[in-house]
Amino acid sequence: MENRFNTIAGWVLGSGMVALALSSLSYRYFEAGKTHAPEKPGYAIEGRRR
Protein backbone atom coordinates (compact mmCIF):
# COMPACT_ATOMS: atom_id res chain seq x y z
CA MET A 1 0.00 0.00 0.00
CA GLU A 2 2.72 2.47 0.96
CA ASN A 3 4.78 1.61 -2.11
CA ARG A 4 1.82 2.49 -4.35
CA PHE A 5 1.31 5.80 -2.53
CA ASN A 6 4.98 6.71 -2.96
CA THR A 7 4.82 5.85 -6.65
CA ILE A 8 1.74 8.01 -7.22
CA ALA A 9 3.16 10.86 -5.15
CA GLY A 10 6.39 10.69 -7.14
CA TRP A 11 4.54 10.86 -10.45
CA VAL A 12 2.47 13.83 -9.24
CA LEU A 13 5.52 15.72 -7.98
CA GLY A 14 7.48 14.89 -11.13
CA SER A 15 4.63 16.10 -13.34
CA GLY A 16 4.46 19.32 -11.38
CA MET A 17 8.17 19.90 -11.82
CA VAL A 18 7.94 19.28 -15.57
CA ALA A 19 4.98 21.67 -15.85
CA LEU A 20 6.88 24.35 -13.93
CA ALA A 21 9.95 23.93 -16.14
CA LEU A 22 7.92 24.11 -19.36
CA SER A 23 6.10 27.19 -18.10
CA SER A 24 9.39 28.92 -17.34
CA LEU A 25 10.88 27.99 -20.72
CA SER A 26 7.84 29.16 -22.66
CA TYR A 27 7.83 32.43 -20.69
CA ARG A 28 11.42 33.07 -21.76
CA TYR A 29 10.95 31.86 -25.35
CA PHE A 30 7.92 34.05 -26.08
CA GLU A 31 9.25 36.99 -24.03
CA ALA A 32 6.03 37.30 -22.07
CA GLY A 33 7.55 39.87 -19.74
CA LYS A 34 8.73 42.32 -22.39
CA THR A 35 7.85 45.90 -21.55
CA HIS A 36 8.90 47.75 -24.70
CA ALA A 37 6.25 48.60 -27.27
CA PRO A 38 6.92 49.09 -30.98
CA GLU A 39 7.25 52.68 -32.22
CA LYS A 40 4.44 52.25 -34.72
CA PRO A 41 1.86 49.55 -33.95
CA GLY A 42 0.84 47.13 -36.69
CA TYR A 43 2.52 46.55 -40.01
CA ALA A 44 2.02 47.68 -43.59
CA ILE A 45 0.18 45.32 -45.91
CA GLU A 46 1.73 45.16 -49.35
CA GLY A 47 -0.72 44.91 -52.20
CA ARG A 48 -2.52 46.59 -55.05
CA ARG A 49 -3.36 50.27 -54.63
CA ARG A 50 -6.42 51.87 -56.15
PDB file of N, CA and C in Angstrom:
ATOM      1  N   MET A   1       0.825  -1.194   0.000  1.00  0.00           N
ATOM      2  CA  MET A   1       0.000   0.000   0.000  1.00  0.00           C
ATOM      3  C   MET A   1       0.869   1.258   0.000  1.00  0.00           C
ATOM      4  N   GLU A   2       1.886   1.275   0.859  1.00  0.00           N
ATOM      5  CA  GLU A   2       2.716   2.465   0.955  1.00  0.00           C
ATOM      6  C   GLU A   2       3.574   2.639  -0.297  1.00  0.00           C
ATOM      7  N   ASN A   3       3.996   1.542  -0.888  1.00  0.00           N
ATOM      8  CA  ASN A   3       4.782   1.615  -2.111  1.00  0.00           C
ATOM      9  C   ASN A   3       3.965   2.248  -3.238  1.00  0.00           C
ATOM     10  N   ARG A   4       2.690   1.918  -3.317  1.00  0.00           N
ATOM     11  CA  ARG A   4       1.825   2.490  -4.347  1.00  0.00           C
ATOM     12  C   ARG A   4       1.640   3.990  -4.113  1.00  0.00           C
ATOM     13  N   PHE A   5       1.460   4.375  -2.849  1.00  0.00           N
ATOM     14  CA  PHE A   5       1.309   5.799  -2.528  1.00  0.00           C
ATOM     15  C   PHE A   5       2.565   6.573  -2.923  1.00  0.00           C
ATOM     16  N   ASN A   6       3.726   6.041  -2.608  1.00  0.00           N
ATOM     17  CA  ASN A   6       4.980   6.713  -2.955  1.00  0.00           C
ATOM     18  C   ASN A   6       5.141   6.830  -4.467  1.00  0.00           C
ATOM     19  N   THR A   7       4.730   5.813  -5.187  1.00  0.00           N
ATOM     20  CA  THR A   7       4.817   5.852  -6.647  1.00  0.00           C
ATOM     21  C   THR A   7       3.914   6.940  -7.212  1.00  0.00           C
ATOM     22  N   ILE A   8       2.688   6.994  -6.740  1.00  0.00           N
ATOM     23  CA  ILE A   8       1.740   8.008  -7.223  1.00  0.00           C
ATOM     24  C   ILE A   8       2.203   9.400  -6.829  1.00  0.00           C
ATOM     25  N   ALA A   9       2.664   9.559  -5.595  1.00  0.00           N
ATOM     26  CA  ALA A   9       3.156  10.863  -5.146  1.00  0.00           C
ATOM     27  C   ALA A   9       4.366  11.295  -5.973  1.00  0.00           C
ATOM     28  N   GLY A  10       5.231  10.371  -6.314  1.00  0.00           N
ATOM     29  CA  GLY A  10       6.389  10.690  -7.145  1.00  0.00           C
ATOM     30  C   GLY A  10       5.992  11.144  -8.533  1.00  0.00           C
ATOM     31  N   TRP A  11       5.017  10.464  -9.121  1.00  0.00           N
ATOM     32  CA  TRP A  11       4.540  10.864 -10.448  1.00  0.00           C
ATOM     33  C   TRP A  11       3.897  12.246 -10.406  1.00  0.00           C
ATOM     34  N   VAL A  12       3.127  12.523  -9.362  1.00  0.00           N
ATOM     35  CA  VAL A  12       2.471  13.832  -9.240  1.00  0.00           C
ATOM     36  C   VAL A  12       3.517  14.931  -9.068  1.00  0.00           C
ATOM     37  N   LEU A  13       4.476  14.718  -8.183  1.00  0.00           N
ATOM     38  CA  LEU A  13       5.523  15.720  -7.977  1.00  0.00           C
ATOM     39  C   LEU A  13       6.384  15.892  -9.231  1.00  0.00           C
ATOM     40  N   GLY A  14       6.705  14.808  -9.897  1.00  0.00           N
ATOM     41  CA  GLY A  14       7.481  14.893 -11.131  1.00  0.00           C
ATOM     42  C   GLY A  14       6.737  15.648 -12.223  1.00  0.00           C
ATOM     43  N   SER A  15       5.446  15.388 -12.341  1.00  0.00           N
ATOM     44  CA  SER A  15       4.634  16.096 -13.340  1.00  0.00           C
ATOM     45  C   SER A  15       4.575  17.580 -13.032  1.00  0.00           C
ATOM     46  N   GLY A  16       4.465  17.912 -11.769  1.00  0.00           N
ATOM     47  CA  GLY A  16       4.458  19.323 -11.377  1.00  0.00           C
ATOM     48  C   GLY A  16       5.769  20.014 -11.707  1.00  0.00           C
ATOM     49  N   MET A  17       6.863  19.320 -11.497  1.00  0.00           N
ATOM     50  CA  MET A  17       8.168  19.902 -11.816  1.00  0.00           C
ATOM     51  C   MET A  17       8.336  20.095 -13.319  1.00  0.00           C
ATOM     52  N   VAL A  18       7.872  19.148 -14.110  1.00  0.00           N
ATOM     53  CA  VAL A  18       7.940  19.275 -15.570  1.00  0.00           C
ATOM     54  C   VAL A  18       7.065  20.435 -16.036  1.00  0.00           C
ATOM     55  N   ALA A  19       5.869  20.571 -15.476  1.00  0.00           N
ATOM     56  CA  ALA A  19       4.977  21.670 -15.849  1.00  0.00           C
ATOM     57  C   ALA A  19       5.599  23.017 -15.495  1.00  0.00           C
ATOM     58  N   LEU A  20       6.225  23.110 -14.342  1.00  0.00           N
ATOM     59  CA  LEU A  20       6.876  24.352 -13.933  1.00  0.00           C
ATOM     60  C   LEU A  20       8.038  24.693 -14.861  1.00  0.00           C
ATOM     61  N   ALA A  21       8.817  23.699 -15.235  1.00  0.00           N
ATOM     62  CA  ALA A  21       9.946  23.928 -16.137  1.00  0.00           C
ATOM     63  C   ALA A  21       9.468  24.369 -17.519  1.00  0.00           C
ATOM     64  N   LEU A  22       8.437  23.724 -18.043  1.00  0.00           N
ATOM     65  CA  LEU A  22       7.918  24.107 -19.359  1.00  0.00           C
ATOM     66  C   LEU A  22       7.320  25.506 -19.332  1.00  0.00           C
ATOM     67  N   SER A  23       6.660  25.857 -18.242  1.00  0.00           N
ATOM     68  CA  SER A  23       6.101  27.193 -18.104  1.00  0.00           C
ATOM     69  C   SER A  23       7.205  28.243 -18.110  1.00  0.00           C
ATOM     70  N   SER A  24       8.272  27.980 -17.394  1.00  0.00           N
ATOM     71  CA  SER A  24       9.393  28.917 -17.341  1.00  0.00           C
ATOM     72  C   SER A  24      10.061  29.053 -18.707  1.00  0.00           C
ATOM     73  N   LEU A  25      10.256  27.938 -19.395  1.00  0.00           N
ATOM     74  CA  LEU A  25      10.884  27.986 -20.715  1.00  0.00           C
ATOM     75  C   LEU A  25      10.016  28.716 -21.732  1.00  0.00           C
ATOM     76  N   SER A  26       8.707  28.483 -21.709  1.00  0.00           N
ATOM     77  CA  SER A  26       7.836  29.165 -22.665  1.00  0.00           C
ATOM     78  C   SER A  26       7.755  30.653 -22.359  1.00  0.00           C
ATOM     79  N   TYR A  27       7.826  31.020 -21.073  1.00  0.00           N
ATOM     80  CA  TYR A  27       7.829  32.434 -20.694  1.00  0.00           C
ATOM     81  C   TYR A  27       9.045  33.133 -21.289  1.00  0.00           C
ATOM     82  N   ARG A  28      10.194  32.483 -21.220  1.00  0.00           N
ATOM     83  CA  ARG A  28      11.419  33.073 -21.760  1.00  0.00           C
ATOM     84  C   ARG A  28      11.433  33.045 -23.285  1.00  0.00           C
ATOM     85  N   TYR A  29      10.916  31.992 -23.888  1.00  0.00           N
ATOM     86  CA  TYR A  29      10.945  31.862 -25.345  1.00  0.00           C
ATOM     87  C   TYR A  29      10.055  32.910 -26.008  1.00  0.00           C
ATOM     88  N   PHE A  30       8.858  33.109 -25.480  1.00  0.00           N
ATOM     89  CA  PHE A  30       7.915  34.046 -26.076  1.00  0.00           C
ATOM     90  C   PHE A  30       8.034  35.448 -25.504  1.00  0.00           C
ATOM     91  N   GLU A  31       9.005  35.674 -24.626  1.00  0.00           N
ATOM     92  CA  GLU A  31       9.254  36.985 -24.030  1.00  0.00           C
ATOM     93  C   GLU A  31       7.971  37.590 -23.471  1.00  0.00           C
ATOM     94  N   ALA A  32       7.302  36.848 -22.623  1.00  0.00           N
ATOM     95  CA  ALA A  32       6.027  37.297 -22.074  1.00  0.00           C
ATOM     96  C   ALA A  32       6.188  38.520 -21.185  1.00  0.00           C
ATOM     97  N   GLY A  33       7.353  38.746 -20.638  1.00  0.00           N
ATOM     98  CA  GLY A  33       7.555  39.866 -19.736  1.00  0.00           C
ATOM     99  C   GLY A  33       8.128  41.106 -20.400  1.00  0.00           C
ATOM    100  N   LYS A  34       8.128  41.161 -21.722  1.00  0.00           N
ATOM    101  CA  LYS A  34       8.726  42.320 -22.389  1.00  0.00           C
ATOM    102  C   LYS A  34       7.881  43.565 -22.126  1.00  0.00           C
ATOM    103  N   THR A  35       8.552  44.668 -21.906  1.00  0.00           N
ATOM    104  CA  THR A  35       7.854  45.899 -21.552  1.00  0.00           C
ATOM    105  C   THR A  35       7.939  46.951 -22.645  1.00  0.00           C
ATOM    106  N   HIS A  36       8.768  46.744 -23.656  1.00  0.00           N
ATOM    107  CA  HIS A  36       8.897  47.748 -24.701  1.00  0.00           C
ATOM    108  C   HIS A  36       7.821  47.539 -25.771  1.00  0.00           C
ATOM    109  N   ALA A  37       7.263  48.644 -26.221  1.00  0.00           N
ATOM    110  CA  ALA A  37       6.247  48.598 -27.274  1.00  0.00           C
ATOM    111  C   ALA A  37       6.886  49.077 -28.579  1.00  0.00           C
ATOM    112  N   PRO A  38       6.370  48.615 -29.710  1.00  0.00           N
ATOM    113  CA  PRO A  38       6.915  49.091 -30.985  1.00  0.00           C
ATOM    114  C   PRO A  38       6.619  50.577 -31.184  1.00  0.00           C
ATOM    115  N   GLU A  39       7.458  51.248 -31.976  1.00  0.00           N
ATOM    116  CA  GLU A  39       7.255  52.676 -32.221  1.00  0.00           C
ATOM    117  C   GLU A  39       5.943  52.928 -32.955  1.00  0.00           C
ATOM    118  N   LYS A  40       5.671  52.100 -33.951  1.00  0.00           N
ATOM    119  CA  LYS A  40       4.439  52.247 -34.717  1.00  0.00           C
ATOM    120  C   LYS A  40       3.723  50.902 -34.677  1.00  0.00           C
ATOM    121  N   PRO A  41       2.549  50.841 -34.055  1.00  0.00           N
ATOM    122  CA  PRO A  41       1.861  49.552 -33.949  1.00  0.00           C
ATOM    123  C   PRO A  41       1.372  49.041 -35.307  1.00  0.00           C
ATOM    124  N   GLY A  42       1.327  47.748 -35.459  1.00  0.00           N
ATOM    125  CA  GLY A  42       0.842  47.127 -36.685  1.00  0.00           C
ATOM    126  C   GLY A  42       1.939  47.016 -37.728  1.00  0.00           C
ATOM    127  N   TYR A  43       1.556  46.663 -38.926  1.00  0.00           N
ATOM    128  CA  TYR A  43       2.515  46.546 -40.014  1.00  0.00           C
ATOM    129  C   TYR A  43       1.806  46.873 -41.321  1.00  0.00           C
ATOM    130  N   ALA A  44       2.581  47.305 -42.296  1.00  0.00           N
ATOM    131  CA  ALA A  44       2.019  47.678 -43.593  1.00  0.00           C
ATOM    132  C   ALA A  44       1.713  46.426 -44.399  1.00  0.00           C
ATOM    133  N   ILE A  45       0.579  46.441 -45.066  1.00  0.00           N
ATOM    134  CA  ILE A  45       0.178  45.322 -45.915  1.00  0.00           C
ATOM    135  C   ILE A  45       0.491  45.694 -47.357  1.00  0.00           C
ATOM    136  N   GLU A  46       1.365  44.918 -47.967  1.00  0.00           N
ATOM    137  CA  GLU A  46       1.732  45.163 -49.354  1.00  0.00           C
ATOM    138  C   GLU A  46       0.630  44.622 -50.259  1.00  0.00           C
ATOM    139  N   GLY A  47       0.304  45.384 -51.284  1.00  0.00           N
ATOM    140  CA  GLY A  47      -0.717  44.909 -52.198  1.00  0.00           C
ATOM    141  C   GLY A  47      -1.037  45.947 -53.258  1.00  0.00           C
ATOM    142  N   ARG A  48      -2.113  45.709 -53.972  1.00  0.00           N
ATOM    143  CA  ARG A  48      -2.520  46.594 -55.049  1.00  0.00           C
ATOM    144  C   ARG A  48      -3.136  47.865 -54.474  1.00  0.00           C
ATOM    145  N   ARG A  49      -2.779  49.004 -55.067  1.00  0.00           N
ATOM    146  CA  ARG A  49      -3.360  50.273 -54.631  1.00  0.00           C
ATOM    147  C   ARG A  49      -4.365  50.730 -55.672  1.00  0.00           C
ATOM    148  N   ARG A  50      -5.387  51.363 -55.225  1.00  0.00           N
ATOM    149  CA  ARG A  50      -6.416  51.867 -56.149  1.00  0.00           C
ATOM    150  C   ARG A  50      -6.251  53.330 -56.394  1.00  0.00           C
TER     151      ARG A  50
END
